[in-house]
Amino acid sequence: MKVAIMGYGTIGSGVAEVLRVNQDQLQKKVGEPVTLKYVLDIRDSIPEDADKLINDFSIIENDEEIKLVVETMGGIHPAYEFVKSCLEKGKHVVTSNKALVDAFGSKLIGIAKEHHCNFYFEASVGGGIPVIRTIYHNYAGENLTEITGIMNGTTNFILTNMREKGADFDEVLAEAQRLGYAERDPSSDIDGFDTSRKTAILLSMASGNRCRHEDIYTEGIRNISKLDFEYAKELGMTIKLLGSVQQVEDKYFAYVVPMVVPKSDPLFSVDGVFNGIKIVGNCLGTTMLYGMGAGKLPTASAVVSDIIAAVRHQDEFQGIGWSEKMLEIEPMGSNAFTYLLRVEGTCEEIKDDLKEFFLEDSELKPVILNGRTDEFAFITDVMFESDFLDNLKAFEEKTGRRIIHYIRTEKEEN
């Protein structure tokens, strides 16, 4: 099978490298050579595969020898137009582009079906972690009740280093940028949008209907401080940015938020630039996929796994994906959490108020850092978010005390 790669950046060059280095192994697995014919890129030269470099997409579009196209350009335009055209020509397409899959996944899947080819997107979520194929194939017989994951290596690196070094956010962000883990403009990562796109893809997969990342409640990590980590540490917990999808009967919940995670959660120990995705099924129970969520060769490996699938199924539509029907996500206020609250002052004079607004079923267990008298923290009972926000406002109005910060938490199971 003759292949073209569109975009020769980190991932595209990685795919070319894997195809070059593992050519013999790939041929044994699929029964025919998988040969790179073109590399589409805007630059004038590339260090490897220079003889394959082209600048005109129509060459790929109109070459009947090209049966499979790898899209690693990034962004939505012109990636969407190029991919759409390839599928309409009956060419299989493999992409690592989460923005494209989030925005146009259902439409591109429909076009692939119409033209008897396949649109694969394993590398769009979790880098080298095989989460898409696992959900669609390995867990096909499960009613998946939850998918929750650490899906962004940049934010996980920052939070891990804040915990380990006792440093504040800005300091660790600067280090992440210096090391190349964070972009000069890191907003997509640290404001949660990268994770929300991946969460939307997982929700679409789990529900079978289309979900837009704009409809998912999203918070980033800019407001997490070293004091938040000190309180979490005192409780034997840590803080992670999580994207979560949950199904309760016929209702779907989804959000991207920083959460205080207990040691009993398998995501607790996922540190640094690694990703972890926890999957809960009604019969399966809890499992977790763990590995490099980004990077040149891990992501390229996921792309190549899709290339193998395309060659093996080149004469049939596999049907991985979801419909165009829009999914209704329950409002964020309908989710229930416990909350780690940091309250100014001391707790002696307001114990009854704390009980009234936040601790109907539990006793107050304040956490005080190093004898500080300017603030304390505690964990609330389980509360619906809408009720919690109403009670927080009422508490501040009644007592005159400020809630310095709150983070949603998951209580340690007994």
Protein backbone atom coordinates (compact mmCIF):
# COMPACT_ATOMS: atom_id res chain seq x y z
CA MET A 1 0.00 0.00 0.00
CA LYS A 2 1.30 3.45 -0.96
CA VAL A 3 1.06 6.09 1.77
CA ALA A 4 1.24 9.90 1.89
CA ILE A 5 1.91 11.97 5.00
CA MET A 6 0.45 15.49 5.26
CA GLY A 7 2.52 17.52 7.72
CA TYR A 8 6.15 16.75 8.57
CA GLY A 9 6.36 18.16 12.08
CA THR A 10 7.09 16.16 15.21
CA ILE A 11 4.43 13.50 14.65
CA GLY A 12 4.60 13.32 10.86
CA SER A 13 8.37 12.86 10.87
CA GLY A 14 7.94 10.25 13.59
CA VAL A 15 5.49 8.29 11.44
CA ALA A 16 7.93 8.41 8.52
CA GLU A 17 10.68 7.16 10.83
CA VAL A 18 8.61 4.23 12.10
CA LEU A 19 7.63 3.27 8.55
CA ARG A 20 11.28 3.40 7.53
CA VAL A 21 12.78 1.56 10.54
CA ASN A 22 10.05 -1.10 10.91
CA GLN A 23 9.32 -1.71 7.23
CA ASP A 24 10.11 -5.44 7.32
CA GLN A 25 8.08 -5.99 10.48
CA LEU A 26 5.09 -4.09 9.05
CA GLN A 27 5.16 -6.13 5.85
CA LYS A 28 5.12 -9.38 7.85
CA LYS A 29 2.11 -8.18 9.85
CA VAL A 30 -0.03 -6.98 6.94
CA GLY A 31 1.21 -9.20 4.12
CA GLU A 32 2.26 -6.41 1.78
CA PRO A 33 4.73 -3.49 1.70
CA VAL A 34 3.64 -0.20 3.29
CA THR A 35 5.57 2.39 1.30
CA LEU A 36 5.80 6.14 1.86
CA LYS A 37 5.42 7.90 -1.50
CA TYR A 38 4.76 11.55 -0.61
CA VAL A 39 5.32 14.00 2.23
CA LEU A 40 3.20 17.16 1.95
CA ASP A 41 4.68 20.14 3.76
CA ILE A 42 5.07 23.89 3.28
CA ARG A 43 8.84 23.85 3.84
CA ASP A 44 11.38 23.69 1.03
CA SER A 45 13.40 20.78 2.40
CA ILE A 46 13.23 18.12 5.09
CA PRO A 47 16.13 16.23 6.71
CA GLU A 48 14.81 12.79 5.79
CA ASP A 49 12.61 11.64 2.90
CA ALA A 50 13.60 14.74 0.93
CA ASP A 51 12.92 12.97 -2.37
CA LYS A 52 9.27 12.51 -1.34
CA LEU A 53 8.59 16.16 -0.43
CA ILE A 54 5.77 17.92 -2.30
CA ASN A 55 3.94 21.23 -1.71
CA ASP A 56 0.79 20.60 -3.75
CA PHE A 57 -2.07 18.65 -2.12
CA SER A 58 -3.69 17.89 -5.49
CA ILE A 59 -0.83 15.50 -6.25
CA ILE A 60 -1.95 13.29 -3.34
CA GLU A 61 -5.62 13.83 -4.08
CA ASN A 62 -5.34 12.71 -7.70
CA ASP A 63 -2.77 9.92 -7.40
CA GLU A 64 -4.70 6.65 -7.59
CA GLU A 65 -1.69 4.77 -6.20
CA ILE A 66 -2.15 6.51 -2.84
CA LYS A 67 -4.58 4.36 -0.88
CA LEU A 68 -3.89 5.79 2.59
CA VAL A 69 -3.19 9.32 3.83
CA VAL A 70 -1.78 10.25 7.24
CA GLU A 71 -2.87 13.69 8.47
CA THR A 72 -0.50 15.19 11.06
CA MET A 73 -0.83 18.85 10.07
CA GLY A 74 -2.74 19.90 13.18
CA GLY A 75 -5.47 22.53 13.37
CA ILE A 76 -8.83 22.37 11.61
CA HIS A 77 -8.20 24.16 8.31
CA PRO A 78 -7.01 23.14 5.76
CA ALA A 79 -6.77 19.72 7.45
CA TYR A 80 -10.55 19.20 7.24
CA GLU A 81 -10.77 20.06 3.55
CA PHE A 82 -7.80 17.82 2.69
CA VAL A 83 -9.07 14.86 4.74
CA LYS A 84 -12.61 15.23 3.37
CA SER A 85 -11.31 15.21 -0.19
CA CYS A 86 -9.17 12.11 0.44
CA LEU A 87 -12.11 10.21 1.90
CA GLU A 88 -14.32 11.20 -1.02
CA LYS A 89 -11.67 9.71 -3.30
CA GLY A 90 -11.93 6.45 -1.34
CA LYS A 91 -8.56 6.84 0.38
CA HIS A 92 -8.24 5.69 3.99
CA VAL A 93 -7.22 8.47 6.39
CA VAL A 94 -5.34 8.20 9.69
CA THR A 95 -5.04 11.28 11.90
CA SER A 96 -3.55 12.35 15.22
CA ASN A 97 -5.46 15.65 15.10
CA LYS A 98 -7.78 15.92 18.13
CA ALA A 99 -9.12 19.33 17.06
CA LEU A 100 -10.20 17.88 13.72
CA VAL A 101 -11.79 14.79 15.27
CA ASP A 102 -13.59 16.87 17.89
CA ALA A 103 -14.96 19.35 15.33
CA PHE A 104 -15.73 17.10 12.35
CA GLY A 105 -15.31 13.49 13.47
CA SER A 106 -18.89 12.38 12.91
CA LYS A 107 -19.06 14.04 9.47
CA LEU A 108 -15.76 12.48 8.34
CA ILE A 109 -16.82 9.06 9.63
CA GLY A 110 -20.02 9.39 7.57
CA ILE A 111 -18.05 10.30 4.45
CA ALA A 112 -15.73 7.33 4.98
CA LYS A 113 -18.73 5.00 5.25
CA GLU A 114 -20.29 6.43 2.10
CA HIS A 115 -17.08 5.87 0.11
CA HIS A 116 -16.20 2.45 1.58
CA CYS A 117 -13.00 3.51 3.32
CA ASN A 118 -11.95 4.20 6.92
CA PHE A 119 -11.19 7.21 9.10
CA TYR A 120 -8.94 6.28 12.03
CA PHE A 121 -7.98 8.54 14.94
CA GLU A 122 -6.36 6.42 17.68
CA ALA A 123 -3.54 8.93 18.25
CA SER A 124 -5.96 11.83 18.86
CA VAL A 125 -6.40 10.78 22.52
CA GLY A 126 -3.67 9.55 24.82
CA GLY A 127 -0.77 9.53 22.35
CA GLY A 128 0.62 6.01 22.43
CA ILE A 129 -2.12 4.72 24.77
CA PRO A 130 -4.56 2.54 22.76
CA VAL A 131 -7.74 3.93 24.30
CA ILE A 132 -9.94 4.34 21.19
CA ARG A 133 -9.43 0.78 19.98
CA THR A 134 -9.76 -0.55 23.53
CA ILE A 135 -13.13 1.12 24.04
CA TYR A 136 -14.48 0.18 20.63
CA HIS A 137 -13.20 -3.40 20.36
CA ASN A 138 -11.98 -4.80 23.69
CA TYR A 139 -14.77 -3.33 25.79
CA ALA A 140 -17.50 -3.58 23.15
CA GLY A 141 -19.61 -5.79 25.39
CA GLU A 142 -19.43 -3.44 28.37
CA ASN A 143 -21.75 -0.73 29.56
CA LEU A 144 -19.08 1.87 30.30
CA THR A 145 -20.17 3.91 33.29
CA GLU A 146 -17.06 6.09 33.61
CA ILE A 147 -13.96 7.16 31.68
CA THR A 148 -11.70 9.48 33.67
CA GLY A 149 -8.18 10.40 32.75
CA ILE A 150 -5.06 12.48 32.98
CA MET A 151 -4.80 13.31 29.29
CA ASN A 152 -2.35 16.19 29.09
CA GLY A 153 1.32 15.65 29.83
CA THR A 154 2.12 19.36 30.16
CA THR A 155 -0.35 20.00 32.98
CA ASN A 156 0.57 16.73 34.68
CA PHE A 157 4.26 17.68 34.57
CA ILE A 158 3.45 21.07 36.10
CA LEU A 159 1.26 19.67 38.88
CA THR A 160 3.74 16.89 39.67
CA ASN A 161 6.58 19.40 40.02
CA MET A 162 4.49 21.77 42.12
CA ARG A 163 3.86 18.89 44.53
CA GLU A 164 7.43 17.56 44.60
CA LYS A 165 9.24 20.90 44.74
CA GLY A 166 6.75 22.91 46.78
CA ALA A 167 6.79 25.52 44.01
CA ASP A 168 4.10 27.83 42.71
CA PHE A 169 2.42 27.54 39.34
CA ASP A 170 4.25 30.33 37.49
CA GLU A 171 7.65 29.01 38.51
CA VAL A 172 6.97 25.47 37.29
CA LEU A 173 5.29 26.68 34.09
CA ALA A 174 8.45 28.61 33.22
CA GLU A 175 10.50 25.45 33.79
CA ALA A 176 8.12 23.41 31.60
CA GLN A 177 8.51 25.97 28.81
CA ARG A 178 12.30 25.91 29.16
CA LEU A 179 12.32 22.10 28.88
CA GLY A 180 10.00 22.13 25.87
CA TYR A 181 7.05 20.49 27.65
CA ALA A 182 4.93 23.65 27.40
CA GLU A 183 4.42 25.93 24.40
CA ARG A 184 5.27 29.62 24.45
CA ASP A 185 1.48 30.13 24.56
CA PRO A 186 0.45 27.31 26.93
CA SER A 187 -3.21 28.27 27.24
CA SER A 188 -4.62 25.24 25.37
CA ASP A 189 -2.92 22.96 27.89
CA ILE A 190 -3.13 24.83 31.19
CA ASP A 191 -6.67 26.15 30.63
CA GLY A 192 -7.91 22.61 29.99
CA PHE A 193 -8.97 22.91 26.34
CA ASP A 194 -6.64 20.18 25.08
CA THR A 195 -8.10 17.83 27.69
CA SER A 196 -11.68 18.90 26.93
CA ARG A 197 -11.25 18.01 23.24
CA LYS A 198 -10.00 14.56 24.17
CA THR A 199 -12.81 14.19 26.71
CA ALA A 200 -15.35 15.11 24.01
CA ILE A 201 -13.97 12.41 21.72
CA LEU A 202 -14.20 9.81 24.50
CA LEU A 203 -17.74 10.89 25.34
CA SER A 204 -18.75 10.65 21.68
CA MET A 205 -17.24 7.16 21.54
CA ALA A 206 -18.95 6.03 24.75
CA SER A 207 -22.38 7.48 23.91
CA GLY A 208 -22.46 6.89 20.15
CA ASN A 209 -23.56 10.50 19.62
CA ARG A 210 -21.76 13.72 18.82
CA CYS A 211 -20.39 15.90 21.59
CA ARG A 212 -18.62 19.25 21.22
CA HIS A 213 -15.83 20.17 23.61
CA GLU A 214 -17.42 23.62 23.97
CA ASP A 215 -20.33 21.92 25.76
CA ILE A 216 -18.08 20.38 28.41
CA TYR A 217 -17.51 22.38 31.59
CA THR A 218 -13.79 23.13 31.65
CA GLU A 219 -11.43 24.58 34.25
CA GLY A 220 -7.66 24.75 33.98
CA ILE A 221 -4.89 24.78 36.57
CA ARG A 222 -3.87 28.46 36.70
CA ASN A 223 -5.43 28.91 40.16
CA ILE A 224 -3.76 25.89 41.79
CA SER A 225 -1.15 27.00 44.34
CA LYS A 226 1.54 25.35 46.43
CA LEU A 227 -0.72 25.86 49.48
CA ASP A 228 -3.39 23.73 47.81
CA PHE A 229 -0.79 20.97 47.48
CA GLU A 230 0.26 21.35 51.11
CA TYR A 231 -3.33 20.75 52.24
CA ALA A 232 -3.70 17.82 49.85
CA LYS A 233 -0.44 16.34 51.16
CA GLU A 234 -1.66 16.62 54.75
CA LEU A 235 -4.69 14.57 53.69
CA GLY A 236 -2.54 11.97 51.89
CA MET A 237 -3.84 13.13 48.52
CA THR A 238 -2.60 14.94 45.42
CA ILE A 239 -4.04 17.21 42.69
CA LYS A 240 -4.55 16.20 39.07
CA LEU A 241 -6.27 17.77 36.06
CA LEU A 242 -8.92 15.23 35.10
CA GLY A 243 -11.23 14.87 32.15
CA SER A 244 -14.21 12.73 33.09
CA VAL A 245 -17.17 11.13 31.34
CA GLN A 246 -19.86 9.36 33.35
CA GLN A 247 -23.11 7.66 32.46
CA VAL A 248 -25.95 7.26 34.96
CA GLU A 249 -28.87 5.40 33.39
CA ASP A 250 -29.64 7.44 30.25
CA LYS A 251 -27.89 10.62 31.38
CA TYR A 252 -24.33 11.72 30.54
CA PHE A 253 -22.06 13.90 32.65
CA ALA A 254 -18.72 15.36 31.55
CA TYR A 255 -16.23 17.89 32.89
CA VAL A 256 -12.56 18.88 32.93
CA VAL A 257 -11.39 20.15 36.32
CA PRO A 258 -8.50 19.96 38.78
CA MET A 259 -9.36 17.40 41.46
CA VAL A 260 -7.89 16.28 44.75
CA VAL A 261 -7.23 12.57 44.24
CA PRO A 262 -6.75 9.98 47.03
CA LYS A 263 -4.13 7.23 47.07
CA SER A 264 -6.83 4.63 46.45
CA ASP A 265 -7.40 6.03 42.96
CA PRO A 266 -5.11 4.43 40.32
CA LEU A 267 -4.60 7.90 38.79
CA PHE A 268 -2.87 9.07 41.99
CA SER A 269 0.51 7.68 40.92
CA VAL A 270 0.43 8.92 37.29
CA ASP A 271 3.16 11.57 37.37
CA GLY A 272 5.28 13.72 35.10
CA VAL A 273 4.47 13.78 31.39
CA PHE A 274 2.69 10.41 31.56
CA ASN A 275 -1.03 9.95 30.95
CA GLY A 276 -3.46 7.54 32.58
CA ILE A 277 -7.03 6.74 31.58
CA LYS A 278 -9.32 4.88 33.99
CA ILE A 279 -12.22 2.96 32.47
CA VAL A 280 -15.09 1.58 34.52
CA GLY A 281 -17.52 -0.99 33.11
CA ASN A 282 -20.62 -2.49 34.67
CA CYS A 283 -19.16 -6.02 34.47
CA LEU A 284 -15.49 -5.22 33.94
CA GLY A 285 -14.99 -3.12 37.05
CA THR A 286 -12.09 -0.65 36.97
CA THR A 287 -9.09 -0.85 34.64
CA MET A 288 -6.47 1.73 33.70
CA LEU A 289 -4.40 2.42 30.60
CA TYR A 290 -1.05 4.09 31.30
CA GLY A 291 1.77 5.39 29.15
CA MET A 292 3.30 8.26 27.22
CA GLY A 293 0.45 10.52 26.20
CA ALA A 294 2.45 12.55 23.72
CA GLY A 295 5.82 12.75 22.05
CA LYS A 296 7.19 11.95 18.62
CA LEU A 297 7.53 8.16 18.62
CA PRO A 298 4.78 7.15 21.10
CA THR A 299 2.19 9.09 19.08
CA ALA A 300 3.68 7.89 15.80
CA SER A 301 3.35 4.33 17.10
CA ALA A 302 -0.40 4.86 17.56
CA VAL A 303 -0.66 6.30 14.05
CA VAL A 304 1.16 3.29 12.60
CA SER A 305 -1.18 0.93 14.47
CA ASP A 306 -4.03 2.64 12.60
CA ILE A 307 -2.13 2.25 9.33
CA ILE A 308 -1.92 -1.50 10.00
CA ALA A 309 -5.67 -1.59 10.71
CA ALA A 310 -6.34 0.28 7.46
CA VAL A 311 -4.29 -2.18 5.41
CA ARG A 312 -5.96 -5.17 7.06
CA HIS A 313 -9.44 -3.71 6.49
CA GLN A 314 -8.81 -1.90 3.21
CA ASP A 315 -11.90 -3.40 1.58
CA GLU A 316 -14.39 -2.81 4.42
CA PHE A 317 -15.69 0.03 6.55
CA GLN A 318 -14.95 -0.70 10.20
CA GLY A 319 -17.45 1.73 11.64
CA ILE A 320 -15.41 3.15 14.51
CA GLY A 321 -17.08 6.38 15.58
CA TRP A 322 -20.42 8.01 16.35
CA SER A 323 -23.48 9.55 14.76
CA GLU A 324 -24.21 13.18 13.90
CA LYS A 325 -26.94 13.34 16.54
CA MET A 326 -26.00 15.85 19.25
CA LEU A 327 -25.65 14.52 22.78
CA GLU A 328 -27.20 16.44 25.66
CA ILE A 329 -24.76 16.72 28.57
CA GLU A 330 -26.17 17.29 32.04
CA PRO A 331 -25.32 20.72 33.53
CA MET A 332 -22.28 20.97 35.80
CA GLY A 333 -24.52 21.76 38.75
CA SER A 334 -25.97 18.24 38.53
CA ASN A 335 -22.62 16.65 39.40
CA ALA A 336 -21.94 15.70 43.01
CA PHE A 337 -18.53 16.04 44.70
CA THR A 338 -16.90 16.53 48.01
CA TYR A 339 -14.89 19.77 48.17
CA LEU A 340 -11.63 20.81 49.77
CA LEU A 341 -12.38 24.29 51.13
CA ARG A 342 -9.78 26.79 52.27
CA VAL A 343 -11.42 29.29 54.64
CA GLU A 344 -9.86 32.48 55.99
CA GLY A 345 -9.30 32.83 59.74
CA THR A 346 -9.76 30.08 62.32
CA CYS A 347 -12.64 27.67 62.64
CA GLU A 348 -13.59 28.03 66.32
CA GLU A 349 -16.20 30.76 65.94
CA ILE A 350 -17.86 29.33 62.83
CA LYS A 351 -18.09 25.60 63.55
CA ASP A 352 -21.87 25.67 63.64
CA ASP A 353 -22.02 27.60 60.36
CA LEU A 354 -19.67 25.15 58.67
CA LYS A 355 -21.86 22.33 59.89
CA GLU A 356 -25.01 24.07 58.67
CA PHE A 357 -23.79 24.74 55.17
CA PHE A 358 -21.28 21.97 54.40
CA LEU A 359 -21.28 19.12 56.93
CA GLU A 360 -24.73 17.76 57.50
CA ASP A 361 -23.57 14.16 57.96
CA SER A 362 -19.92 14.50 59.07
CA GLU A 363 -17.90 16.07 61.85
CA LEU A 364 -15.58 18.98 61.16
CA LYS A 365 -11.96 17.89 60.72
CA PRO A 366 -9.96 21.05 60.10
CA VAL A 367 -6.53 20.90 58.50
CA ILE A 368 -4.15 23.61 59.73
CA LEU A 369 -0.72 24.13 58.17
CA ASN A 370 2.25 24.83 60.43
CA GLY A 371 0.13 26.49 63.11
CA ARG A 372 -1.19 29.11 60.68
CA THR A 373 -4.00 31.26 62.00
CA ASP A 374 -4.89 33.08 58.76
CA GLU A 375 -6.65 30.10 57.16
CA PHE A 376 -7.61 26.45 57.49
CA ALA A 377 -9.10 23.77 55.26
CA PHE A 378 -11.57 20.90 55.50
CA ILE A 379 -13.46 18.50 53.24
CA THR A 380 -17.22 18.87 52.87
CA ASP A 381 -19.86 16.20 52.65
CA VAL A 382 -20.94 15.06 49.19
CA MET A 383 -22.98 17.86 47.64
CA PHE A 384 -24.49 18.64 44.27
CA GLU A 385 -22.45 21.44 42.73
CA SER A 386 -25.43 23.76 42.39
CA ASP A 387 -26.23 23.34 46.10
CA PHE A 388 -22.58 23.77 47.06
CA LEU A 389 -22.25 27.08 45.19
CA ASP A 390 -25.49 28.38 46.74
CA ASN A 391 -24.32 27.36 50.22
CA LEU A 392 -20.88 28.87 49.67
CA LYS A 393 -22.44 32.23 48.84
CA ALA A 394 -24.85 32.02 51.78
CA PHE A 395 -22.00 31.07 54.15
CA GLU A 396 -19.89 34.06 53.11
CA GLU A 397 -22.86 36.43 53.44
CA LYS A 398 -23.80 35.15 56.90
CA THR A 399 -20.32 34.90 58.44
CA GLY A 400 -18.37 37.53 56.56
CA ARG A 401 -15.68 34.90 56.05
CA ARG A 402 -14.12 34.41 52.64
CA ILE A 403 -13.69 31.03 51.01
CA ILE A 404 -10.13 31.48 49.70
CA HIS A 405 -10.27 28.57 47.26
CA TYR A 406 -12.07 25.32 46.70
CA ILE A 407 -11.14 22.20 44.73
CA ARG A 408 -13.41 19.30 44.00
CA THR A 409 -12.25 16.14 45.71
CA GLU A 410 -12.72 12.43 45.74
CA LYS A 411 -12.87 11.07 49.29
CA GLU A 412 -10.71 8.14 50.32
CA GLU A 413 -12.78 4.96 50.36
CA ASN A 414 -12.95 3.16 53.67
